[in-house]
């Protein structure tokens, strides 16, 4: 019997009062009532929207942050790059850990880390502390992205997974597109710390998600420490090199990119020999496995950091106000 058939069989046996109530376990499948599915999906969409917004909302505030800390442009850009770097580096290890810890735990913990790190960003007294908080925030965003997208396959039956993934795509795309507009609106009435403080009320989503979301199946697998280290070196050096290419020493940036590519080659070789690799070499496995759904988001996130240095030019060279930068 297929998963879809088990879901349909389970739903057909539910009495009317149970269809709007709790979860019921039948034939080894946990059937999620429509009302709780909506609440769980709403929490997931809000979390994914926040993680996407975190990539786009800070770019427009970089000149103001630079003035607040009296820091150089090259140093201030790392407020954005740190978030992207952390999110990119953490995607594969978190996707691996999600199988052992469970998607529900990873999502709730990731959203909590993201909200707490937002508080740290808002009250950071120095630029290094702000960058450190953004690193932690990026790790939380990676957890939300990986577990949130994958959880669609847990709360939806097979016939409705495409609908859930479409909602996820909208939740990630719309905040990313509206990020500069939202940032310009906030900066027109408040200072840059409010770009992070607006995330704090969404911490109320965590208890709602815990109450509404079902428990998912956990499969223990040890964390590949060697693969995790090579993954961090490969993506970390490459992303850091690309981020430094236009605003720092080109020789250092080129060396970091070359070292990142070399580490990536070692990472691929190590993963090919590993019995349970983090890298999805089998394309069909990549498409079907719910634990790998969040990984392609790394490519999308890089575009925001590549635009970061342009904010200084638009603000200082062209004397554009935030709302004019937003239109560009």
Protein backbone atom coordinates (compact mmCIF):
# COMPACT_ATOMS: atom_id res chain seq x y z
CA UNK A 1 0.00 0.00 0.00
CA UNK A 2 1.40 3.38 -0.99
CA UNK A 3 1.69 6.35 1.34
CA UNK A 4 -1.10 8.14 -0.50
CA UNK A 5 -3.41 5.14 -0.07
CA UNK A 6 -2.61 4.92 3.64
CA UNK A 7 -3.37 8.62 4.08
CA UNK A 8 -6.67 8.28 2.21
CA UNK A 9 -7.59 5.18 4.18
CA UNK A 10 -6.77 6.90 7.43
CA UNK A 11 -8.78 10.02 6.53
CA UNK A 12 -11.78 7.92 5.49
CA UNK A 13 -11.88 6.15 8.86
CA UNK A 14 -11.73 9.31 10.93
CA UNK A 15 -15.01 10.35 12.53
CA UNK A 16 -16.05 13.97 11.85
CA UNK A 17 -14.92 15.27 15.26
CA UNK A 18 -11.43 13.80 14.77
CA UNK A 19 -10.97 15.28 11.31
CA UNK A 20 -10.87 18.73 12.87
CA UNK A 21 -9.00 17.66 15.97
CA UNK A 22 -5.74 15.93 16.82
CA UNK A 23 -3.47 13.43 15.12
CA UNK A 24 -4.53 9.79 14.92
CA UNK A 25 -2.12 6.95 14.28
CA UNK A 26 -3.49 4.28 11.97
CA UNK A 27 -1.65 1.60 10.03
CA UNK A 28 1.63 3.14 11.17
CA UNK A 29 0.87 6.50 9.56
CA UNK A 30 0.15 9.63 11.54
CA UNK A 31 -2.71 11.51 9.94
CA UNK A 32 -2.63 15.24 10.48
CA UNK A 33 -5.95 17.00 10.67
CA UNK A 34 -6.53 19.86 8.26
CA UNK A 35 -6.75 22.50 10.99
CA UNK A 36 -3.42 21.56 12.54
CA UNK A 37 -1.86 21.18 9.12
CA UNK A 38 -2.75 24.79 8.39
CA UNK A 39 -1.25 25.99 11.68
CA UNK A 40 1.92 23.96 11.18
CA UNK A 41 2.30 25.19 7.61
CA UNK A 42 1.73 28.79 8.67
CA UNK A 43 4.55 28.49 11.21
CA UNK A 44 6.85 26.99 8.58
CA UNK A 45 6.07 29.71 6.06
CA UNK A 46 6.70 32.46 8.62
CA UNK A 47 10.06 30.94 9.56
CA UNK A 48 11.15 30.54 5.95
CA UNK A 49 10.04 34.09 5.24
CA UNK A 50 12.16 35.38 8.12
CA UNK A 51 15.25 33.48 6.96
CA UNK A 52 14.82 34.84 3.44
CA UNK A 53 14.21 38.34 4.76
CA UNK A 54 17.40 38.13 6.83
CA UNK A 55 19.39 37.87 3.61
CA UNK A 56 17.91 40.95 1.96
CA UNK A 57 16.88 43.38 4.67
CA UNK A 58 20.33 44.42 5.95
CA UNK A 59 21.97 45.40 2.65
CA UNK A 60 20.35 48.80 2.47
CA UNK A 61 21.43 49.66 6.03
CA UNK A 62 25.16 49.04 5.50
CA UNK A 63 26.11 52.73 5.16
CA UNK A 64 24.29 53.54 8.41
CA UNK A 65 25.92 50.63 10.21
CA UNK A 66 29.32 51.78 8.95
CA UNK A 67 28.75 55.26 10.38
CA UNK A 68 27.47 53.91 13.70
CA UNK A 69 30.61 51.86 14.32
CA UNK A 70 33.02 54.16 12.44
CA UNK A 71 34.14 51.13 10.46
CA UNK A 72 35.43 50.73 6.94
CA UNK A 73 33.23 49.64 4.06
CA UNK A 74 35.19 46.41 3.64
CA UNK A 75 34.61 45.49 7.28
CA UNK A 76 30.92 46.48 7.30
CA UNK A 77 30.09 44.30 4.30
CA UNK A 78 30.80 41.29 6.52
CA UNK A 79 27.53 42.00 8.32
CA UNK A 80 25.91 40.55 5.21
CA UNK A 81 28.66 38.12 4.22
CA UNK A 82 28.75 36.51 7.67
CA UNK A 83 25.08 35.59 7.41
CA UNK A 84 25.51 34.09 3.95
CA UNK A 85 28.71 32.31 4.92
CA UNK A 86 27.19 30.70 7.99
CA UNK A 87 23.99 29.69 6.20
CA UNK A 88 25.92 28.15 3.31
CA UNK A 89 28.40 26.26 5.48
CA UNK A 90 25.71 24.89 7.81
CA UNK A 91 23.27 23.58 5.19
CA UNK A 92 24.85 20.16 4.62
CA UNK A 93 25.72 19.31 8.26
CA UNK A 94 22.28 20.41 9.49
CA UNK A 95 20.58 18.39 6.76
CA UNK A 96 22.53 15.39 8.01
CA UNK A 97 21.74 16.07 11.66
CA UNK A 98 18.05 16.51 10.89
CA UNK A 99 17.78 12.82 10.14
CA UNK A 100 19.00 11.94 13.64
CA UNK A 101 17.50 14.75 15.70
CA UNK A 102 14.23 15.07 13.82
CA UNK A 103 12.95 17.85 11.61
CA UNK A 104 10.61 19.22 14.26
CA UNK A 105 13.40 19.72 16.79
CA UNK A 106 15.77 21.19 14.22
CA UNK A 107 13.18 23.67 12.94
CA UNK A 108 12.11 24.83 16.41
CA UNK A 109 15.72 25.14 17.59
CA UNK A 110 16.74 26.95 14.41
CA UNK A 111 13.93 29.49 14.71
CA UNK A 112 14.77 30.07 18.38
CA UNK A 113 18.45 30.63 17.50
CA UNK A 114 17.44 33.01 14.72
CA UNK A 115 15.24 35.11 17.02
CA UNK A 116 17.79 35.24 19.85
CA UNK A 117 20.55 36.14 17.41
CA UNK A 118 18.36 38.95 16.11
CA UNK A 119 18.30 40.39 19.61
CA UNK A 120 22.07 40.08 19.74
CA UNK A 121 22.37 41.91 16.41
CA UNK A 122 20.12 44.75 17.56
CA UNK A 123 22.06 45.37 20.78
CA UNK A 124 25.59 44.61 19.52
CA UNK A 125 27.89 47.36 20.83
CA UNK A 126 30.68 46.75 18.31
CA UNK A 127 30.97 45.60 14.72
CA UNK A 128 32.78 42.31 15.57
CA UNK A 129 29.95 41.37 17.94
CA UNK A 130 27.38 42.26 15.28
CA UNK A 131 29.18 40.05 12.75
CA UNK A 132 29.35 37.23 15.32
CA UNK A 133 25.62 37.53 15.97
CA UNK A 134 24.99 37.40 12.24
CA UNK A 135 27.03 34.19 12.03
CA UNK A 136 24.77 32.63 14.66
CA UNK A 137 21.70 34.01 12.91
CA UNK A 138 22.82 32.43 9.65
CA UNK A 139 23.13 29.03 11.33
CA UNK A 140 19.58 29.40 12.64
CA UNK A 141 18.37 30.39 9.16
CA UNK A 142 20.01 27.28 7.68
CA UNK A 143 18.20 25.09 10.21
CA UNK A 144 14.89 26.74 9.38
CA UNK A 145 15.47 26.40 5.63
CA UNK A 146 16.48 22.74 5.73
CA UNK A 147 13.90 21.50 8.23
CA UNK A 148 11.10 23.80 7.10
CA UNK A 149 11.14 22.73 3.47
CA UNK A 150 11.58 19.06 4.34
CA UNK A 151 8.71 19.17 6.85
CA UNK A 152 6.29 19.72 3.98
CA UNK A 153 6.58 16.01 3.22
CA UNK A 154 5.67 15.22 6.82
CA UNK A 155 2.54 17.32 7.24
CA UNK A 156 1.12 16.87 3.71
CA UNK A 157 0.01 13.64 2.04
CA UNK A 158 1.73 12.78 -1.22
CA UNK A 159 -1.01 14.24 -3.39
CA UNK A 160 -0.63 17.66 -1.70
CA UNK A 161 3.16 17.92 -1.47
CA UNK A 162 3.35 20.01 -4.64
CA UNK A 163 0.94 22.53 -3.11
CA UNK A 164 3.07 22.75 0.02
CA UNK A 165 6.28 23.23 -1.98
CA UNK A 166 4.62 25.98 -4.02
CA UNK A 167 3.72 27.81 -0.81
CA UNK A 168 7.28 27.37 0.41
CA UNK A 169 8.63 28.87 -2.81
CA UNK A 170 6.38 31.90 -2.37
CA UNK A 171 7.37 32.27 1.28
CA UNK A 172 11.04 32.37 0.30
CA UNK A 173 10.70 34.52 -2.82
CA UNK A 174 8.34 37.27 -1.66
CA UNK A 175 10.31 38.38 1.44
CA UNK A 176 13.54 38.25 -0.55
CA UNK A 177 12.05 40.53 -3.19
CA UNK A 178 10.40 42.88 -0.70
CA UNK A 179 13.38 42.97 1.68
CA UNK A 180 14.81 46.28 0.44
CA UNK A 181 11.34 47.86 0.48
CA UNK A 182 10.72 46.71 4.03
CA UNK A 183 14.17 47.91 5.08
CA UNK A 184 13.67 51.31 3.45
CA UNK A 185 10.31 51.69 5.22
CA UNK A 186 11.80 50.85 8.61
CA UNK A 187 14.85 53.07 8.10
CA UNK A 188 12.63 56.00 7.19
CA UNK A 189 11.16 56.02 10.72
CA UNK A 190 13.76 54.20 12.87
CA UNK A 191 17.43 53.29 13.12
CA UNK A 192 19.05 50.14 11.76
CA UNK A 193 18.75 48.02 14.96
CA UNK A 194 15.01 47.83 14.29
CA UNK A 195 15.76 45.79 11.19
CA UNK A 196 16.60 42.98 13.63
CA UNK A 197 14.10 43.78 16.37
CA UNK A 198 11.18 43.21 14.00
CA UNK A 199 12.12 39.51 14.02
CA UNK A 200 11.67 39.11 17.78
CA UNK A 201 7.82 38.90 17.94
CA UNK A 202 7.94 35.96 15.54
CA UNK A 203 9.41 33.92 18.37
CA UNK A 204 5.79 33.33 19.37
CA UNK A 205 5.59 31.00 16.38
CA UNK A 206 7.79 28.43 18.17
CA UNK A 207 5.29 27.17 20.79
CA UNK A 208 2.51 27.18 18.19
CA UNK A 209 4.63 25.06 15.87
CA UNK A 210 5.57 22.63 18.64
CA UNK A 211 1.89 22.19 19.51
CA UNK A 212 0.65 21.83 15.94
CA UNK A 213 3.41 19.91 14.14
CA UNK A 214 3.52 16.10 14.32
CA UNK A 215 6.57 14.15 15.38
CA UNK A 216 8.59 12.92 12.43
CA UNK A 217 10.58 9.72 12.01
CA UNK A 218 14.20 9.89 13.17
CA UNK A 219 16.94 7.72 11.74
CA UNK A 220 20.19 7.74 13.66
CA UNK A 221 23.31 8.44 11.65
CA UNK A 222 26.63 9.60 13.13
CA UNK A 223 27.81 13.03 12.11
CA UNK A 224 30.60 12.87 9.55
CA UNK A 225 33.15 15.10 11.30
CA UNK A 226 35.73 14.92 8.51
CA UNK A 227 33.11 15.72 5.89
CA UNK A 228 31.75 18.55 8.01
CA UNK A 229 35.22 20.09 8.36
CA UNK A 230 35.93 19.80 4.63
CA UNK A 231 32.50 21.23 3.85
CA UNK A 232 33.18 24.22 6.11
CA UNK A 233 36.60 24.82 4.55
CA UNK A 234 35.36 24.41 0.98
CA UNK A 235 32.30 26.64 1.13
CA UNK A 236 33.73 28.96 3.77
CA UNK A 237 36.90 29.78 1.84
CA UNK A 238 35.07 30.06 -1.46
CA UNK A 239 32.32 32.34 -0.12
CA UNK A 240 34.84 34.44 1.82
CA UNK A 241 36.99 34.78 -1.29
CA UNK A 242 34.07 35.85 -3.46
CA UNK A 243 32.96 38.31 -0.79
CA UNK A 244 36.45 39.82 -0.60
CA UNK A 245 37.09 39.90 -4.34
CA UNK A 246 35.63 43.34 -5.01
CA UNK A 247 36.51 45.12 -1.77
CA UNK A 248 39.82 43.64 -0.59
CA UNK A 249 43.16 42.32 -1.77
CA UNK A 250 42.59 40.41 -5.00
CA UNK A 251 45.50 38.08 -4.33
CA UNK A 252 44.07 37.04 -0.98
CA UNK A 253 40.59 36.66 -2.47
CA UNK A 254 41.88 34.57 -5.38
CA UNK A 255 43.91 32.41 -3.01
CA UNK A 256 40.85 31.83 -0.81
CA UNK A 257 38.75 30.86 -3.83
CA UNK A 258 41.44 28.47 -5.08
CA UNK A 259 41.83 26.92 -1.64
CA UNK A 260 38.05 26.54 -1.37
CA UNK A 261 37.88 24.75 -4.70
CA UNK A 262 40.72 22.45 -3.65
CA UNK A 263 38.96 21.64 -0.40
CA UNK A 264 35.77 21.00 -2.33
CA UNK A 265 37.61 18.46 -4.46
CA UNK A 266 38.84 16.72 -1.30
CA UNK A 267 35.29 16.92 0.09
CA UNK A 268 33.80 15.23 -2.98
CA UNK A 269 36.47 12.51 -2.87
CA UNK A 270 35.82 11.90 0.83
CA UNK A 271 32.07 11.77 0.28
CA UNK A 272 32.39 9.27 -2.55
CA UNK A 273 34.12 6.90 -0.14
CA UNK A 274 31.70 7.50 2.74
CA UNK A 275 28.94 4.91 3.25
CA UNK A 276 26.30 7.59 3.96
CA UNK A 277 27.46 10.76 2.16
CA UNK A 278 26.08 14.21 2.83
CA UNK A 279 26.41 15.16 -0.82
CA UNK A 280 23.52 13.78 -2.94
CA UNK A 281 25.44 12.13 -5.77
CA UNK A 282 22.33 10.30 -6.96
CA UNK A 283 20.05 12.88 -8.57
CA UNK A 284 16.94 10.79 -8.00
CA UNK A 285 17.83 10.51 -4.32
CA UNK A 286 18.35 14.25 -4.24
CA UNK A 287 14.91 14.90 -5.62
CA UNK A 288 13.12 12.44 -3.38
CA UNK A 289 14.88 12.80 -0.05
CA UNK A 290 13.09 15.30 2.22
CA UNK A 291 16.30 16.02 4.10
CA UNK A 292 18.03 17.55 1.08
CA UNK A 293 15.27 19.97 0.07
CA UNK A 294 16.90 22.99 1.68
CA UNK A 295 20.31 22.65 0.07
CA UNK A 296 19.77 24.49 -3.23
CA UNK A 297 18.95 27.68 -1.31
CA UNK A 298 22.69 28.32 -0.84
CA UNK A 299 23.01 29.47 -4.44
CA UNK A 300 20.12 31.91 -4.05
CA UNK A 301 21.56 33.47 -0.94
CA UNK A 302 24.85 34.48 -2.55
CA UNK A 303 23.24 37.07 -4.82
CA UNK A 304 22.40 39.31 -1.86
CA UNK A 305 25.98 39.53 -0.60
CA UNK A 306 27.30 40.28 -4.09
CA UNK A 307 25.12 43.41 -4.14
CA UNK A 308 26.28 44.62 -0.72
CA UNK A 309 29.19 46.87 -1.82
CA UNK A 310 26.86 48.66 -4.24
CA UNK A 311 24.97 50.16 -1.30
CA UNK A 312 27.94 52.31 -0.35
CA UNK A 313 28.25 53.62 -3.88
CA UNK A 314 24.54 54.42 -4.14
CA UNK A 315 24.54 56.10 -0.75
CA UNK A 316 27.78 58.06 -0.96
CA UNK A 317 28.68 58.30 -4.64
CA UNK A 318 25.18 58.93 -5.98
CA UNK A 319 23.69 60.37 -2.76
CA UNK A 320 20.63 58.13 -2.98
CA UNK A 321 18.32 57.83 0.01
CA UNK A 322 17.23 54.31 1.12
CA UNK A 323 13.90 54.41 -0.73
CA UNK A 324 15.68 55.38 -3.97
CA UNK A 325 18.19 52.55 -3.47
CA UNK A 326 15.22 50.24 -3.08
CA UNK A 327 13.83 51.17 -6.50
CA UNK A 328 17.20 50.45 -8.09
